[in-house]
Amino acid sequence: MKRLVTETGAVTTAQMDGYIIEERLLDRIMIQISDKGGGHLEVSFQEGDLRYLSQFSAAQQAQWLDEAMLHAEAGGALETLDGEPAWITDTAPAPQKPCIKAMRPARQGIELPPELEFLRRT
C-alpha cells in the first residue's frame, strides 16, 4: 500500500513543481498528489493552473500527470502545502499470526527402549 508521509507522519496531500516534468512549460505549475486511502494515490493539477493548462491537449496533460506520478514514486521531491518535505512509501500489511499451534510441549529427553540405553550420551 502506498501512502504519503513526512518526518512527522502521514499526510493526505503533497505537491511538486511541474518544472521537474516539463521545464519551461510547467515552471511554477504545482502538481498535487492526494492520498485517497487504501493505498490509492491521485495526481492532478491545482485548480488555479487549469486556465493556463487549457491551451494543451488533454492527452498532453495526462502524459505529464503520468510522468509526475512516476517521478514521485521513484522518490522525487515532494512537499506538503506548508513546505515540509514529503515522499511516497510502501507500507507492508500487518503480519498475520501463525495458525499452527503446538499440540504438546516438547519432550525434555529422548526415550530409548532398555536394550538401546547404551546409545545414550552422558
C-alpha atoms as a PDB file:
ATOM      1  CA  MET A   1       0.000   0.000   0.000  1.00  0.00           C
ATOM      2  CA  LYS A   2       1.333   3.381  -0.950  1.00  0.00           C
ATOM      3  CA  ARG A   3       0.908   6.465   1.189  1.00  0.00           C
ATOM      4  CA  LEU A   4       2.259   9.970   1.581  1.00  0.00           C
ATOM      5  CA  VAL A   5       4.453  10.595   4.610  1.00  0.00           C
ATOM      6  CA  THR A   6       6.645  13.258   6.172  1.00  0.00           C
ATOM      7  CA  GLU A   7       9.098  13.018   9.037  1.00  0.00           C
ATOM      8  CA  THR A   8       6.234  13.712  11.433  1.00  0.00           C
ATOM      9  CA  GLY A   9       3.795  11.155   9.984  1.00  0.00           C
ATOM     10  CA  ALA A  10       1.252  10.544   7.240  1.00  0.00           C
ATOM     11  CA  VAL A  11      -0.281  13.398   5.225  1.00  0.00           C
ATOM     12  CA  THR A  12      -3.178  13.490   2.781  1.00  0.00           C
ATOM     13  CA  THR A  13      -1.773  15.937   0.210  1.00  0.00           C
ATOM     14  CA  ALA A  14       1.649  16.739  -1.198  1.00  0.00           C
ATOM     15  CA  GLN A  15       2.745  18.723  -4.226  1.00  0.00           C
ATOM     16  CA  MET A  16       5.606  19.119  -6.643  1.00  0.00           C
ATOM     17  CA  ASP A  17       6.684  21.828  -9.035  1.00  0.00           C
ATOM     18  CA  GLY A  18       5.923  20.956 -12.642  1.00  0.00           C
ATOM     19  CA  TYR A  19       9.336  22.291 -13.634  1.00  0.00           C
ATOM     20  CA  ILE A  20      10.722  18.839 -12.843  1.00  0.00           C
ATOM     21  CA  ILE A  21       8.455  17.292 -15.511  1.00  0.00           C
ATOM     22  CA  GLU A  22       8.499  19.890 -18.305  1.00  0.00           C
ATOM     23  CA  GLU A  23      10.990  22.638 -17.531  1.00  0.00           C
ATOM     24  CA  ARG A  24       9.685  25.808 -19.173  1.00  0.00           C
ATOM     25  CA  LEU A  25       6.071  24.896 -19.878  1.00  0.00           C
ATOM     26  CA  LEU A  26       5.231  23.788 -16.338  1.00  0.00           C
ATOM     27  CA  ASP A  27       7.509  26.084 -14.332  1.00  0.00           C
ATOM     28  CA  ARG A  28       5.641  27.078 -11.134  1.00  0.00           C
ATOM     29  CA  ILE A  29       2.661  24.885 -12.080  1.00  0.00           C
ATOM     30  CA  MET A  30       2.017  22.814  -8.979  1.00  0.00           C
ATOM     31  CA  ILE A  31       1.047  19.162  -9.317  1.00  0.00           C
ATOM     32  CA  GLN A  32      -0.833  17.720  -6.347  1.00  0.00           C
ATOM     33  CA  ILE A  33      -0.718  14.137  -5.157  1.00  0.00           C
ATOM     34  CA  SER A  34      -3.564  13.159  -2.835  1.00  0.00           C
ATOM     35  CA  ASP A  35      -3.803  10.072  -0.657  1.00  0.00           C
ATOM     36  CA  LYS A  36      -7.331   8.692  -1.128  1.00  0.00           C
ATOM     37  CA  GLY A  37      -6.826   5.904   1.412  1.00  0.00           C
ATOM     38  CA  GLY A  38      -6.437   2.193   0.890  1.00  0.00           C
ATOM     39  CA  GLY A  39      -3.150   2.683  -0.956  1.00  0.00           C
ATOM     40  CA  HIS A  40      -4.704   4.782  -3.731  1.00  0.00           C
ATOM     41  CA  LEU A  41      -2.923   7.971  -4.769  1.00  0.00           C
ATOM     42  CA  GLU A  42      -4.389  10.531  -7.160  1.00  0.00           C
ATOM     43  CA  VAL A  43      -2.339  13.052  -9.115  1.00  0.00           C
ATOM     44  CA  SER A  44      -3.815  16.290 -10.517  1.00  0.00           C
ATOM     45  CA  PHE A  45      -3.027  19.885 -11.360  1.00  0.00           C
ATOM     46  CA  GLN A  46      -4.087  22.616  -8.945  1.00  0.00           C
ATOM     47  CA  GLU A  47      -7.320  24.307  -9.927  1.00  0.00           C
ATOM     48  CA  GLY A  48      -5.707  27.743 -10.209  1.00  0.00           C
ATOM     49  CA  ASP A  49      -3.473  26.441 -13.007  1.00  0.00           C
ATOM     50  CA  LEU A  50      -6.211  24.873 -15.149  1.00  0.00           C
ATOM     51  CA  ARG A  51      -6.811  28.042 -17.177  1.00  0.00           C
ATOM     52  CA  TYR A  52      -3.172  28.111 -18.293  1.00  0.00           C
ATOM     53  CA  LEU A  53      -3.192  24.355 -18.933  1.00  0.00           C
ATOM     54  CA  SER A  54      -6.300  24.576 -21.149  1.00  0.00           C
ATOM     55  CA  GLN A  55      -4.066  25.519 -24.091  1.00  0.00           C
ATOM     56  CA  PHE A  56      -2.612  21.997 -24.033  1.00  0.00           C
ATOM     57  CA  SER A  57      -4.458  18.866 -25.093  1.00  0.00           C
ATOM     58  CA  ALA A  58      -5.974  16.510 -22.555  1.00  0.00           C
ATOM     59  CA  ALA A  59      -3.619  13.776 -23.797  1.00  0.00           C
ATOM     60  CA  GLN A  60      -0.598  16.002 -23.129  1.00  0.00           C
ATOM     61  CA  GLN A  61      -1.847  16.855 -19.641  1.00  0.00           C
ATOM     62  CA  ALA A  62      -2.456  13.171 -18.894  1.00  0.00           C
ATOM     63  CA  GLN A  63       1.081  12.341 -20.034  1.00  0.00           C
ATOM     64  CA  TRP A  64       2.521  14.996 -17.713  1.00  0.00           C
ATOM     65  CA  LEU A  65       0.481  13.650 -14.795  1.00  0.00           C
ATOM     66  CA  ASP A  66       1.698  10.110 -15.512  1.00  0.00           C
ATOM     67  CA  GLU A  67       5.301  11.340 -15.569  1.00  0.00           C
ATOM     68  CA  ALA A  68       4.724  13.217 -12.309  1.00  0.00           C
ATOM     69  CA  MET A  69       3.418  10.081 -10.589  1.00  0.00           C
ATOM     70  CA  LEU A  70       6.369   8.020 -11.843  1.00  0.00           C
ATOM     71  CA  HIS A  71       8.761  10.698 -10.623  1.00  0.00           C
ATOM     72  CA  ALA A  72       7.080  10.879  -7.201  1.00  0.00           C
ATOM     73  CA  GLU A  73       7.031   7.081  -6.781  1.00  0.00           C
ATOM     74  CA  ALA A  74      10.730   6.974  -7.652  1.00  0.00           C
ATOM     75  CA  GLY A  75      11.466   9.239  -4.680  1.00  0.00           C
ATOM     76  CA  GLY A  76      11.208  12.632  -6.369  1.00  0.00           C
ATOM     77  CA  ALA A  77      10.965  15.901  -4.467  1.00  0.00           C
ATOM     78  CA  LEU A  78       7.545  16.395  -2.880  1.00  0.00           C
ATOM     79  CA  GLU A  79       6.440  18.860  -0.239  1.00  0.00           C
ATOM     80  CA  THR A  80       3.348  19.463   1.831  1.00  0.00           C
ATOM     81  CA  LEU A  81       1.286  22.607   1.382  1.00  0.00           C
ATOM     82  CA  ASP A  82       3.313  24.038   4.310  1.00  0.00           C
ATOM     83  CA  GLY A  83       6.628  23.317   2.558  1.00  0.00           C
ATOM     84  CA  GLU A  84       7.645  20.280   4.644  1.00  0.00           C
ATOM     85  CA  PRO A  85       9.478  17.548   2.652  1.00  0.00           C
ATOM     86  CA  ALA A  86       7.277  14.538   1.826  1.00  0.00           C
ATOM     87  CA  TRP A  87       7.599  11.283  -0.079  1.00  0.00           C
ATOM     88  CA  ILE A  88       5.679   8.187  -1.099  1.00  0.00           C
ATOM     89  CA  THR A  89       6.308   4.998   0.823  1.00  0.00           C
ATOM     90  CA  ASP A  90       5.084   1.442   0.609  1.00  0.00           C
ATOM     91  CA  THR A  91       3.617   0.077   3.804  1.00  0.00           C
ATOM     92  CA  ALA A  92       3.513  -3.637   4.328  1.00  0.00           C
ATOM     93  CA  PRO A  93       0.284  -5.162   5.599  1.00  0.00           C
ATOM     94  CA  ALA A  94       0.284  -6.178   9.244  1.00  0.00           C
ATOM     95  CA  PRO A  95       1.724  -9.655   9.711  1.00  0.00           C
ATOM     96  CA  GLN A  96      -0.818 -12.347  10.413  1.00  0.00           C
ATOM     97  CA  LYS A  97      -0.483 -14.605  13.413  1.00  0.00           C
ATOM     98  CA  PRO A  98       0.545 -18.132  12.512  1.00  0.00           C
ATOM     99  CA  CYS A  99      -2.333 -20.577  12.549  1.00  0.00           C
ATOM    100  CA  ILE A 100      -0.177 -23.520  13.660  1.00  0.00           C
ATOM    101  CA  LYS A 101      -0.278 -24.227  17.386  1.00  0.00           C
ATOM    102  CA  ALA A 102       1.824 -26.678  19.357  1.00  0.00           C
ATOM    103  CA  MET A 103      -0.069 -29.826  20.226  1.00  0.00           C
ATOM    104  CA  ARG A 104       2.015 -30.707  23.287  1.00  0.00           C
ATOM    105  CA  PRO A 105       5.193 -29.458  24.880  1.00  0.00           C
ATOM    106  CA  ALA A 106       8.458 -30.795  23.560  1.00  0.00           C
ATOM    107  CA  ARG A 107       9.990 -33.706  25.429  1.00  0.00           C
ATOM    108  CA  GLN A 108      12.931 -32.967  27.652  1.00  0.00           C
ATOM    109  CA  GLY A 109      14.890 -36.078  26.821  1.00  0.00           C
ATOM    110  CA  ILE A 110      14.903 -38.856  24.313  1.00  0.00           C
ATOM    111  CA  GLU A 111      13.139 -42.001  25.467  1.00  0.00           C
ATOM    112  CA  LEU A 112      15.018 -45.125  24.459  1.00  0.00           C
ATOM    113  CA  PRO A 113      13.994 -48.715  24.990  1.00  0.00           C
ATOM    114  CA  PRO A 114      16.070 -50.500  27.673  1.00  0.00           C
ATOM    115  CA  GLU A 115      18.033 -52.526  25.111  1.00  0.00           C
ATOM    116  CA  LEU A 116      19.275 -49.299  23.425  1.00  0.00           C
ATOM    117  CA  GLU A 117      20.266 -47.412  26.592  1.00  0.00           C
ATOM    118  CA  PHE A 118      23.914 -47.876  25.667  1.00  0.00           C
ATOM    119  CA  LEU A 119      23.402 -45.329  22.876  1.00  0.00           C
ATOM    120  CA  ARG A 120      22.628 -42.534  25.341  1.00  0.00           C
ATOM    121  CA  ARG A 121      25.405 -39.987  25.700  1.00  0.00           C
ATOM    122  CA  THR A 122      26.294 -38.884  29.155  1.00  0.00           C
END
